[in-house]
Amino acid sequence: MNIVLVAESADDWIGRFEGVQTIDPGEFLSGPNGRIPRGARVYNLCRSYAYQSLGYYVSLLAEARGQRAVPDVVTIQDLRGTAAVRLIPQHLEELIQKSLHSLTTDSFVLSVYFGENVAKKHARLAKELYGLFQAPLLRFKFARGSKWRLRSASAIALNDVPKHHRQFVADAAQRHFTRRSTVRTKRQVTRYDMAILHDPKEGDLAPSDEAALKKMVKAAAKEGIAAELITREDSGRLLEFDALFIRETTAVNHHTYRTARRAQAAGMVVIDDPLSILRCSNKVYLAELLDRAKVPTPRTIVATRGSADEVIGQLSFPCVLKRPDSAFSKGVVKVENSDELRRRLAEFFSDSELLIAQEYMRTDFDWRIGILDQRAVFACKYHMARGHWQIANHGSKGTKPKFGKCETLPVETAPRKAVSVALKAANLIGNGLYGVDVKESDGQFYVIEVNDNPNLDSGIEDAVLRDELYRRIMESFIRRIEIQKQLAGAR
């Protein structure tokens, strides 16, 4: 059975659920049970999650047996003491203020049961908190000073649920497991489940358009993977899947990174993996990495406060300044003279202690070499936007960005040197999915940057391989999932 609920027999008030095996903690811990296969979801509702308690060991041994515990040991640790308070992201801080602003008391306890709260007005906050701390039963304590702040968070046991909440908990559990059962029925012919994280609100800046996302789902099904498009609001369901494919623009201080970390910690296969996001998201790191590996790049200086004279002395004008976490040509400016350089440096240093100053190379297009599993899978020419020096012209605030045209070539016909330097650069990052930007000047090729989460748009990056591009990606996922499961079985 693929869904297991571990709870004390005295807590049978929660009821039984179709498709869910209920088992006592002692029986679960007594030894590997052939009825509970690797990959099963183990809902841990033990009476304590304290270190070395029964609840702690249920999650720990489930992980050792290749099963997926909810909560897992990482979450149990995060929900100990005040550690959880430090994990609240900015967007959730804002939601806390919005959800609790009408309360007249200076303290408030929010109970979250299978992602739900008894008060509908707190439904969104409950869902977001459940997505961040995936445990069946949660309790959050807030206090108001100048504004509402989370003071503590904890996973609670069934016997900690107030009696007047118990019927709601039983109903919430029923809804939760019924949804899972319905999804499972649809997926019974597939081997694995994949979540494709995307954000429909990204529009033209999304790394994959709607048509490409549909092709991914179709390719996954042909390879035996049930792929489902999810958004950040669905993060509470993350542990239902075997793999996570991120098709939303990534950043370190962002839910995409936190989701990737949580998925990887749970033993899921993840592209983009958290380490690739960390490495690719910071241009200062990339500059050091590429320099040490002697990968050819435009002349590059890591600028610090007060280094304007050094930049002026080593780079000619125009030159390019980049924020470390710039993306989609945002946070990248061309400066024409020393006065503009000093002004831009002062502006950029308000956000970061280090910046990138780089030699400007005028080209009509950039090569984009797509790398998967340390092999090139597509080669594109990204032409500069009309009348602009970058491939994307963001124009004035509030206007839609304008892009240059794209040409896709068979990898075999792309310049060998471009593919070679792209592979060398990407292999320094990892073995995931990357897009390497390369400039060609006087017959030489220079790496500009390595991007995790490269664009995969219908009719552009897939113009040569077509559906075969998505099949290769899904084939990579299957290979990774099977290796992961073999390792879990060996443990």
Protein backbone atom coordinates (compact mmCIF):
# COMPACT_ATOMS: atom_id res chain seq x y z
CA MET A 1 0.00 0.00 0.00
CA ASN A 2 1.41 3.41 -1.00
CA ILE A 3 -0.18 5.54 1.74
CA VAL A 4 0.34 4.68 5.39
CA LEU A 5 -0.95 6.50 8.47
CA VAL A 6 1.03 5.78 11.65
CA ALA A 7 -0.96 6.56 14.82
CA GLU A 8 -1.67 5.21 18.29
CA SER A 9 -4.73 2.96 18.44
CA ALA A 10 -6.14 5.23 21.17
CA ASP A 11 -6.37 8.00 18.55
CA ASP A 12 -8.75 6.09 16.29
CA TRP A 13 -11.24 8.98 16.41
CA ILE A 14 -9.66 10.28 13.19
CA GLY A 15 -11.24 7.35 11.36
CA ARG A 16 -10.19 5.12 8.49
CA PHE A 17 -9.67 6.18 4.89
CA GLU A 18 -10.03 4.28 1.66
CA GLY A 19 -6.65 3.42 0.18
CA VAL A 20 -4.82 4.28 3.42
CA GLN A 21 -3.28 1.65 5.70
CA THR A 22 -3.35 2.58 9.40
CA ILE A 23 -0.63 1.08 11.56
CA ASP A 24 0.54 1.40 15.19
CA PRO A 25 3.98 3.04 15.74
CA GLY A 26 5.35 -0.04 17.47
CA GLU A 27 4.35 -2.28 14.59
CA PHE A 28 5.85 0.13 12.07
CA LEU A 29 9.17 0.29 13.93
CA SER A 30 9.43 -3.45 14.67
CA GLY A 31 11.05 -4.08 11.31
CA PRO A 32 10.70 -3.59 7.56
CA ASN A 33 7.17 -4.53 6.58
CA GLY A 34 6.71 -6.11 3.18
CA ARG A 35 3.28 -4.50 2.92
CA ILE A 36 4.87 -1.03 2.96
CA PRO A 37 6.94 -0.62 -0.21
CA ARG A 38 9.73 1.81 -0.92
CA GLY A 39 8.29 5.12 -2.11
CA ALA A 40 5.22 4.86 0.14
CA ARG A 41 4.02 8.06 1.83
CA VAL A 42 4.10 7.62 5.59
CA TYR A 43 1.89 10.10 7.48
CA ASN A 44 3.41 10.23 10.94
CA LEU A 45 0.76 11.14 13.56
CA CYS A 46 2.64 9.84 16.59
CA ARG A 47 2.11 11.49 19.97
CA SER A 48 5.58 13.02 20.12
CA TYR A 49 8.24 14.13 17.64
CA ALA A 50 10.86 14.79 20.32
CA TYR A 51 14.38 13.60 19.63
CA GLN A 52 14.59 9.78 19.88
CA SER A 53 10.86 9.47 20.56
CA LEU A 54 8.66 7.00 18.68
CA GLY A 55 7.54 9.76 16.32
CA TYR A 56 11.13 10.80 15.60
CA TYR A 57 12.12 7.22 14.76
CA VAL A 58 9.06 6.63 12.55
CA SER A 59 10.17 9.46 10.26
CA LEU A 60 13.85 8.54 10.50
CA LEU A 61 13.37 4.85 9.68
CA ALA A 62 10.82 5.58 6.96
CA GLU A 63 13.52 7.61 5.25
CA ALA A 64 16.06 4.81 5.73
CA ARG A 65 13.60 2.36 4.12
CA GLY A 66 13.17 4.55 1.06
CA GLN A 67 9.73 5.79 2.13
CA ARG A 68 8.61 9.41 2.34
CA ALA A 69 7.63 10.56 5.81
CA VAL A 70 5.28 13.47 6.50
CA PRO A 71 6.74 15.20 8.44
CA ASP A 72 10.27 14.18 7.51
CA VAL A 73 13.17 14.55 9.95
CA VAL A 74 14.26 17.86 8.42
CA THR A 75 10.81 19.34 9.07
CA ILE A 76 10.78 17.93 12.60
CA GLN A 77 14.08 19.71 13.25
CA ASP A 78 12.83 22.93 11.64
CA LEU A 79 9.77 22.90 13.93
CA ARG A 80 11.86 22.66 17.08
CA GLY A 81 12.31 25.77 19.25
CA THR A 82 12.34 29.04 17.33
CA ALA A 83 14.11 27.73 14.21
CA ALA A 84 10.89 27.92 12.17
CA VAL A 85 10.58 31.65 12.76
CA ARG A 86 13.74 32.28 10.71
CA LEU A 87 12.34 30.32 7.75
CA ILE A 88 9.37 32.62 7.07
CA PRO A 89 9.88 34.27 3.63
CA GLN A 90 8.94 37.88 2.91
CA HIS A 91 5.77 37.11 0.93
CA LEU A 92 4.49 35.05 3.87
CA GLU A 93 5.24 37.88 6.31
CA GLU A 94 2.98 40.08 4.20
CA LEU A 95 0.25 37.43 4.13
CA ILE A 96 0.42 37.12 7.94
CA GLN A 97 -0.27 40.85 8.31
CA LYS A 98 -3.14 40.69 5.82
CA SER A 99 -4.76 37.61 7.37
CA LEU A 100 -4.49 38.72 11.01
CA HIS A 101 -4.96 42.49 10.74
CA SER A 102 -8.62 42.45 11.87
CA LEU A 103 -7.92 40.59 15.14
CA THR A 104 -8.39 42.64 18.30
CA THR A 105 -6.15 40.54 20.58
CA ASP A 106 -2.36 40.75 20.79
CA SER A 107 -1.81 37.01 20.50
CA PHE A 108 -3.25 34.36 18.23
CA VAL A 109 -2.91 30.60 17.76
CA LEU A 110 -3.46 29.21 14.27
CA SER A 111 -4.03 25.47 13.90
CA VAL A 112 -3.43 23.94 10.48
CA TYR A 113 -4.90 20.49 9.87
CA PHE A 114 -3.91 18.82 6.61
CA GLY A 115 -3.42 22.30 5.14
CA GLU A 116 -6.75 23.68 6.39
CA ASN A 117 -7.96 25.95 9.19
CA VAL A 118 -11.40 25.98 10.80
CA ALA A 119 -11.81 29.67 9.86
CA LYS A 120 -12.16 30.24 6.12
CA LYS A 121 -10.62 33.72 6.35
CA HIS A 122 -7.30 32.11 7.28
CA ALA A 123 -7.49 29.46 4.54
CA ARG A 124 -4.77 30.96 2.35
CA LEU A 125 -2.40 31.51 5.27
CA ALA A 126 -2.99 27.93 6.46
CA LYS A 127 -2.25 26.56 2.98
CA GLU A 128 0.96 28.59 2.62
CA LEU A 129 2.23 27.54 6.06
CA TYR A 130 1.45 23.91 5.30
CA GLY A 131 3.44 24.26 2.08
CA LEU A 132 6.41 25.57 4.05
CA PHE A 133 6.22 23.11 6.96
CA GLN A 134 4.79 19.86 5.67
CA ALA A 135 3.34 18.08 8.68
CA PRO A 136 -0.25 16.82 8.99
CA LEU A 137 -1.08 18.79 12.13
CA LEU A 138 0.56 22.13 12.89
CA ARG A 139 0.21 24.87 15.47
CA PHE A 140 1.51 28.43 14.99
CA LYS A 141 1.63 31.07 17.71
CA PHE A 142 1.64 34.75 16.73
CA ALA A 143 2.12 37.91 18.80
CA ARG A 144 1.46 41.52 17.86
CA GLY A 145 3.82 44.37 18.61
CA SER A 146 4.29 46.99 15.91
CA LYS A 147 3.06 44.20 13.62
CA TRP A 148 2.15 40.52 13.79
CA ARG A 149 5.10 38.13 14.16
CA LEU A 150 5.36 34.37 14.29
CA ARG A 151 6.75 33.39 17.70
CA SER A 152 6.72 29.60 17.43
CA ALA A 153 5.66 26.73 15.23
CA SER A 154 5.25 23.09 16.12
CA ALA A 155 3.98 19.82 14.74
CA ILE A 156 1.30 18.48 17.04
CA ALA A 157 -0.06 14.99 17.69
CA LEU A 158 -3.63 13.73 17.39
CA ASN A 159 -4.09 13.78 21.16
CA ASP A 160 -3.15 17.50 21.16
CA VAL A 161 -6.11 18.37 18.95
CA PRO A 162 -8.86 20.06 21.02
CA LYS A 163 -12.02 17.96 21.17
CA HIS A 164 -14.11 20.64 19.49
CA HIS A 165 -11.72 20.55 16.49
CA ARG A 166 -11.63 16.79 16.07
CA GLN A 167 -14.52 16.43 13.66
CA PHE A 168 -13.00 19.12 11.47
CA VAL A 169 -9.64 17.30 11.54
CA ALA A 170 -11.29 14.00 10.56
CA ASP A 171 -13.12 15.74 7.71
CA ALA A 172 -9.95 17.54 6.57
CA ALA A 173 -8.07 14.24 6.55
CA GLN A 174 -10.86 12.66 4.55
CA ARG A 175 -10.69 15.46 1.97
CA HIS A 176 -6.91 15.18 1.82
CA PHE A 177 -6.80 11.44 1.26
CA THR A 178 -9.78 11.48 -1.10
CA ARG A 179 -7.94 13.97 -3.34
CA ARG A 180 -4.88 11.73 -3.32
CA SER A 181 -6.98 8.65 -4.09
CA THR A 182 -8.60 10.38 -7.06
CA VAL A 183 -5.23 11.46 -8.44
CA ARG A 184 -3.82 7.96 -7.91
CA THR A 185 -6.68 6.40 -9.88
CA LYS A 186 -5.81 8.59 -12.85
CA ARG A 187 -2.13 7.71 -12.61
CA GLN A 188 -2.30 3.99 -11.98
CA VAL A 189 -0.78 3.08 -15.39
CA THR A 190 2.35 5.19 -14.82
CA ARG A 191 5.53 4.34 -12.96
CA TYR A 192 6.39 7.68 -11.41
CA ASP A 193 4.87 11.05 -10.53
CA MET A 194 6.40 14.40 -11.46
CA ALA A 195 5.52 17.94 -10.37
CA ILE A 196 6.29 20.67 -12.91
CA LEU A 197 6.50 23.93 -10.97
CA HIS A 198 5.50 26.97 -13.01
CA ASP A 199 4.03 30.43 -12.56
CA PRO A 200 1.34 31.41 -15.09
CA LYS A 201 1.81 35.07 -14.06
CA GLU A 202 5.36 35.23 -15.44
CA GLY A 203 4.04 35.71 -18.95
CA ASP A 204 6.73 36.40 -21.58
CA LEU A 205 9.51 35.97 -19.01
CA ALA A 206 8.53 32.41 -18.08
CA PRO A 207 11.24 29.84 -18.90
CA SER A 208 8.65 27.73 -20.77
CA ASP A 209 5.52 28.80 -22.61
CA GLU A 210 2.19 27.04 -22.28
CA ALA A 211 2.69 24.95 -25.42
CA ALA A 212 6.07 23.69 -24.19
CA LEU A 213 4.60 22.77 -20.80
CA LYS A 214 1.93 20.70 -22.52
CA LYS A 215 4.61 18.94 -24.56
CA MET A 216 6.48 18.12 -21.36
CA VAL A 217 3.39 16.54 -19.79
CA LYS A 218 2.76 14.54 -22.97
CA ALA A 219 6.38 13.39 -23.25
CA ALA A 220 6.38 12.39 -19.59
CA ALA A 221 3.26 10.24 -20.06
CA LYS A 222 4.87 8.40 -22.98
CA GLU A 223 7.85 7.58 -20.74
CA GLY A 224 5.67 6.33 -17.88
CA ILE A 225 5.66 9.51 -15.78
CA ALA A 226 2.45 11.17 -14.62
CA ALA A 227 3.42 14.83 -14.80
CA GLU A 228 1.25 17.53 -13.24
CA LEU A 229 1.62 21.30 -13.51
CA ILE A 230 1.71 22.86 -10.05
CA THR A 231 2.20 26.38 -8.70
CA ARG A 232 3.63 27.69 -5.45
CA GLU A 233 0.17 27.35 -3.88
CA ASP A 234 0.40 23.57 -4.37
CA SER A 235 3.66 23.21 -2.44
CA GLY A 236 1.85 21.40 0.37
CA ARG A 237 1.44 18.47 -2.06
CA LEU A 238 5.12 18.30 -2.94
CA LEU A 239 5.77 14.97 -1.24
CA GLU A 240 3.16 13.26 -3.41
CA PHE A 241 5.68 13.20 -6.26
CA ASP A 242 8.87 11.36 -7.15
CA ALA A 243 10.42 14.25 -9.07
CA LEU A 244 10.29 18.02 -9.36
CA PHE A 245 10.94 19.88 -12.61
CA ILE A 246 11.20 23.63 -12.02
CA ARG A 247 9.87 25.67 -14.91
CA GLU A 248 9.61 28.95 -13.02
CA THR A 249 12.37 31.54 -12.89
CA THR A 250 14.65 30.58 -10.02
CA ALA A 251 16.45 32.68 -7.41
CA VAL A 252 18.11 31.92 -4.09
CA ASN A 253 15.99 34.22 -1.93
CA HIS A 254 12.82 32.76 -3.44
CA HIS A 255 10.31 29.96 -3.03
CA THR A 256 11.81 28.10 -6.02
CA TYR A 257 15.04 27.53 -4.10
CA ARG A 258 13.22 26.58 -0.91
CA THR A 259 11.02 24.15 -2.83
CA ALA A 260 14.04 22.59 -4.53
CA ARG A 261 15.74 22.15 -1.16
CA ARG A 262 12.68 20.61 0.44
CA ALA A 263 12.21 18.22 -2.48
CA GLN A 264 15.84 17.15 -2.48
CA ALA A 265 15.81 16.62 1.29
CA ALA A 266 12.79 14.35 0.83
CA GLY A 267 14.72 12.17 -1.62
CA MET A 268 13.05 13.48 -4.77
CA VAL A 269 14.87 13.98 -8.06
CA VAL A 270 15.05 17.72 -8.70
CA ILE A 271 15.93 19.82 -11.75
CA ASP A 272 17.01 22.53 -11.02
CA ASP A 273 18.73 21.16 -7.95
CA PRO A 274 19.42 23.65 -5.12
CA LEU A 275 23.20 23.65 -5.65
CA SER A 276 22.82 24.53 -9.33
CA ILE A 277 20.47 27.37 -8.40
CA LEU A 278 22.98 28.66 -5.85
CA ARG A 279 25.90 28.46 -8.26
CA CYS A 280 24.20 29.85 -11.35
CA SER A 281 22.28 32.61 -9.60
CA ASN A 282 25.38 34.53 -8.57
CA LYS A 283 27.60 36.05 -11.25
CA VAL A 284 30.40 36.75 -8.77
CA TYR A 285 30.64 33.04 -8.02
CA LEU A 286 30.53 32.22 -11.74
CA ALA A 287 33.28 34.72 -12.50
CA GLU A 288 35.60 33.12 -9.93
CA LEU A 289 34.69 29.59 -11.01
CA LEU A 290 35.25 30.20 -14.72
CA ASP A 291 38.49 32.11 -14.10
CA ARG A 292 39.99 29.34 -11.94
CA ALA A 293 39.07 26.71 -14.55
CA LYS A 294 40.58 28.88 -17.30
CA VAL A 295 37.33 29.01 -19.25
CA PRO A 296 37.59 31.89 -21.75
CA THR A 297 35.41 34.86 -20.77
CA PRO A 298 35.38 38.59 -21.58
CA ARG A 299 37.79 40.47 -19.30
CA THR A 300 36.02 40.50 -15.93
CA ILE A 301 36.58 42.35 -12.65
CA VAL A 302 34.85 41.59 -9.35
CA ALA A 303 34.22 45.15 -8.17
CA THR A 304 34.10 46.20 -4.52
CA ARG A 305 33.17 49.51 -2.95
CA GLY A 306 35.79 52.07 -3.82
CA SER A 307 37.10 50.15 -6.83
CA ALA A 308 35.85 52.53 -9.51
CA ASP A 309 39.42 53.62 -10.38
CA GLU A 310 40.49 50.01 -10.80
CA VAL A 311 37.61 49.34 -13.19
CA ILE A 312 38.37 52.52 -15.14
CA GLY A 313 42.05 51.56 -15.35
CA GLN A 314 41.48 47.99 -16.54
CA LEU A 315 38.41 48.21 -18.77
CA SER A 316 37.78 50.45 -21.74
CA PHE A 317 34.44 52.14 -22.39
CA PRO A 318 31.78 51.13 -22.99
CA CYS A 319 31.82 48.36 -20.39
CA VAL A 320 29.12 46.32 -18.68
CA LEU A 321 28.05 46.28 -15.03
CA LYS A 322 26.08 43.34 -13.64
CA ARG A 323 24.29 42.78 -10.39
CA PRO A 324 25.28 39.33 -9.03
CA ASP A 325 21.72 37.99 -9.27
CA SER A 326 20.65 39.62 -12.54
CA ALA A 327 18.49 37.59 -14.94
CA PHE A 328 16.75 38.05 -18.30
CA SER A 329 19.03 41.05 -19.03
CA LYS A 330 17.66 42.83 -15.94
CA GLY A 331 20.27 44.26 -13.57
CA VAL A 332 22.76 44.50 -16.43
CA VAL A 333 23.73 47.93 -17.78
CA LYS A 334 26.17 49.29 -20.32
CA VAL A 335 28.11 52.36 -19.16
CA GLU A 336 29.68 54.77 -21.61
CA ASN A 337 32.07 56.82 -19.48
CA SER A 338 33.67 57.16 -16.04
CA ASP A 339 30.97 59.50 -14.65
CA GLU A 340 28.19 57.05 -15.54
CA LEU A 341 30.29 54.21 -14.13
CA ARG A 342 30.66 55.90 -10.74
CA ARG A 343 26.95 56.72 -10.63
CA ARG A 344 25.91 53.18 -11.52
CA LEU A 345 28.37 51.64 -9.06
CA ALA A 346 26.90 53.70 -6.22
CA GLU A 347 23.40 52.64 -7.28
CA PHE A 348 24.25 48.92 -7.54
CA PHE A 349 26.21 48.82 -4.29
CA SER A 350 23.03 49.67 -2.39
CA ASP A 351 22.02 46.01 -2.90
CA SER A 352 25.28 44.04 -2.92
CA GLU A 353 28.81 44.25 -1.57
CA LEU A 354 30.25 42.86 -4.81
CA LEU A 355 29.48 43.50 -8.47
CA ILE A 356 30.70 42.36 -11.86
CA ALA A 357 32.36 44.77 -14.28
CA GLN A 358 33.02 43.21 -17.67
CA GLU A 359 34.49 44.05 -21.03
CA TYR A 360 31.78 44.89 -23.56
CA MET A 361 31.75 42.73 -26.69
CA ARG A 362 29.50 43.93 -29.47
CA THR A 363 27.86 41.01 -31.29
CA ASP A 364 24.69 40.59 -33.31
CA PHE A 365 23.73 37.48 -31.36
CA ASP A 366 24.70 35.24 -28.45
CA TRP A 367 25.02 31.51 -28.73
CA ARG A 368 22.87 29.59 -26.26
CA ILE A 369 24.02 26.00 -25.86
CA GLY A 370 21.62 23.75 -23.94
CA ILE A 371 23.30 21.13 -21.77
CA LEU A 372 21.62 18.09 -20.14
CA ASP A 373 23.49 15.31 -18.34
CA GLN A 374 26.78 16.89 -19.49
CA ARG A 375 25.81 16.66 -23.16
CA ALA A 376 24.72 19.40 -25.57
CA VAL A 377 21.06 19.00 -26.60
CA PHE A 378 20.30 22.23 -28.48
CA ALA A 379 22.09 25.21 -29.97
CA CYS A 380 20.41 28.57 -30.56
CA LYS A 381 21.36 31.99 -31.82
CA TYR A 382 19.67 34.60 -29.63
CA HIS A 383 19.77 37.82 -31.65
CA MET A 384 19.82 41.20 -29.96
CA ALA A 385 16.51 43.05 -29.65
CA ARG A 386 16.02 45.56 -32.45
CA GLY A 387 17.93 48.76 -31.71
CA HIS A 388 19.28 47.35 -28.43
CA TRP A 389 22.53 45.78 -27.25
CA GLN A 390 20.89 42.89 -25.35
CA ILE A 391 18.66 39.99 -26.40
CA ALA A 392 15.85 41.46 -24.25
CA ASN A 393 14.90 45.13 -24.16
CA HIS A 394 12.84 45.79 -21.04
CA GLY A 395 12.18 49.40 -21.98
CA SER A 396 10.41 51.63 -19.51
CA LYS A 397 8.69 50.32 -16.41
CA GLY A 398 5.30 48.80 -17.10
CA THR A 399 5.99 47.99 -20.75
CA LYS A 400 6.36 44.50 -22.14
CA PRO A 401 9.91 43.37 -22.91
CA LYS A 402 10.93 43.06 -26.55
CA PHE A 403 13.11 40.17 -27.69
CA GLY A 404 15.34 39.60 -30.67
CA LYS A 405 14.69 36.75 -33.08
CA CYS A 406 15.94 33.22 -32.38
CA GLU A 407 17.48 30.63 -34.67
CA THR A 408 17.92 27.01 -33.65
CA LEU A 409 20.52 24.76 -35.27
CA PRO A 410 21.41 21.09 -34.91
CA VAL A 411 24.12 20.83 -32.27
CA GLU A 412 26.32 19.11 -34.86
CA THR A 413 26.33 22.21 -37.09
CA ALA A 414 27.03 24.73 -34.31
CA PRO A 415 30.66 25.85 -33.98
CA ARG A 416 32.63 23.13 -32.18
CA LYS A 417 34.46 25.65 -30.03
CA ALA A 418 31.18 27.20 -28.85
CA VAL A 419 29.85 23.79 -27.79
CA SER A 420 33.18 22.83 -26.23
CA VAL A 421 33.52 25.90 -23.99
CA ALA A 422 29.84 25.66 -23.06
CA LEU A 423 30.27 22.05 -21.95
CA LYS A 424 33.39 22.87 -19.96
CA ALA A 425 31.59 25.70 -18.16
CA ALA A 426 28.37 23.75 -17.47
CA ASN A 427 30.25 20.71 -16.18
CA LEU A 428 31.76 22.92 -13.47
CA ILE A 429 28.22 23.44 -12.12
CA GLY A 430 26.83 19.91 -12.13
CA ASN A 431 25.02 17.40 -14.33
CA GLY A 432 21.61 19.08 -14.53
CA LEU A 433 19.92 21.16 -17.24
CA TYR A 434 21.77 24.36 -18.15
CA GLY A 435 21.84 27.05 -20.81
CA VAL A 436 25.29 28.48 -21.49
CA ASP A 437 25.58 31.89 -23.14
CA VAL A 438 28.60 32.21 -25.43
CA LYS A 439 29.84 35.19 -27.47
CA GLU A 440 31.76 34.81 -30.71
CA SER A 441 34.37 37.46 -31.55
CA ASP A 442 37.10 37.24 -34.20
CA GLY A 443 36.76 33.48 -34.37
CA GLN A 444 37.11 33.04 -30.61
CA PHE A 445 34.38 32.00 -28.17
CA TYR A 446 33.82 33.42 -24.69
CA VAL A 447 31.44 32.21 -22.00
CA ILE A 448 29.22 34.96 -20.62
CA GLU A 449 27.35 32.90 -18.04
CA VAL A 450 25.87 29.53 -17.17
CA ASN A 451 22.13 29.57 -16.48
CA ASP A 452 20.16 27.02 -14.55
CA ASN A 453 16.50 26.89 -15.59
CA PRO A 454 17.19 27.65 -19.29
CA ASN A 455 14.36 28.58 -21.62
CA LEU A 456 12.53 25.69 -23.27
CA ASP A 457 9.92 27.30 -25.49
CA SER A 458 7.81 25.72 -28.19
CA GLY A 459 9.13 26.49 -31.65
CA ILE A 460 12.43 27.89 -30.36
CA GLU A 461 14.71 25.62 -28.33
CA ASP A 462 12.76 22.58 -29.56
CA ALA A 463 12.72 23.71 -33.21
CA VAL A 464 15.24 21.02 -34.29
CA LEU A 465 14.60 18.08 -31.97
CA ARG A 466 10.90 18.86 -31.50
CA ASP A 467 9.27 16.29 -29.16
CA GLU A 468 12.56 14.40 -28.90
CA LEU A 469 13.95 17.21 -26.72
CA TYR A 470 11.26 16.66 -24.08
CA ARG A 471 11.59 12.88 -24.36
CA ARG A 472 15.30 13.15 -23.56
CA ILE A 473 14.53 15.27 -20.51
CA MET A 474 11.97 12.76 -19.23
CA GLU A 475 14.35 9.89 -19.96
CA SER A 476 16.91 11.66 -17.78
CA PHE A 477 14.37 11.97 -14.97
CA ILE A 478 13.55 8.25 -15.14
CA ARG A 479 17.22 7.33 -15.01
CA ARG A 480 17.76 9.59 -12.01
CA ILE A 481 14.66 8.32 -10.18
CA GLU A 482 15.70 4.69 -10.67
CA ILE A 483 19.22 5.38 -9.44
CA GLN A 484 17.76 7.18 -6.42
CA LYS A 485 15.51 4.24 -5.62
CA GLN A 486 18.38 1.75 -6.02
CA LEU A 487 20.48 3.79 -3.59
CA ALA A 488 17.58 3.95 -1.13
CA GLY A 489 17.12 0.19 -1.42
CA ALA A 490 20.83 -0.41 -0.83
CA ARG A 491 20.67 1.69 2.34
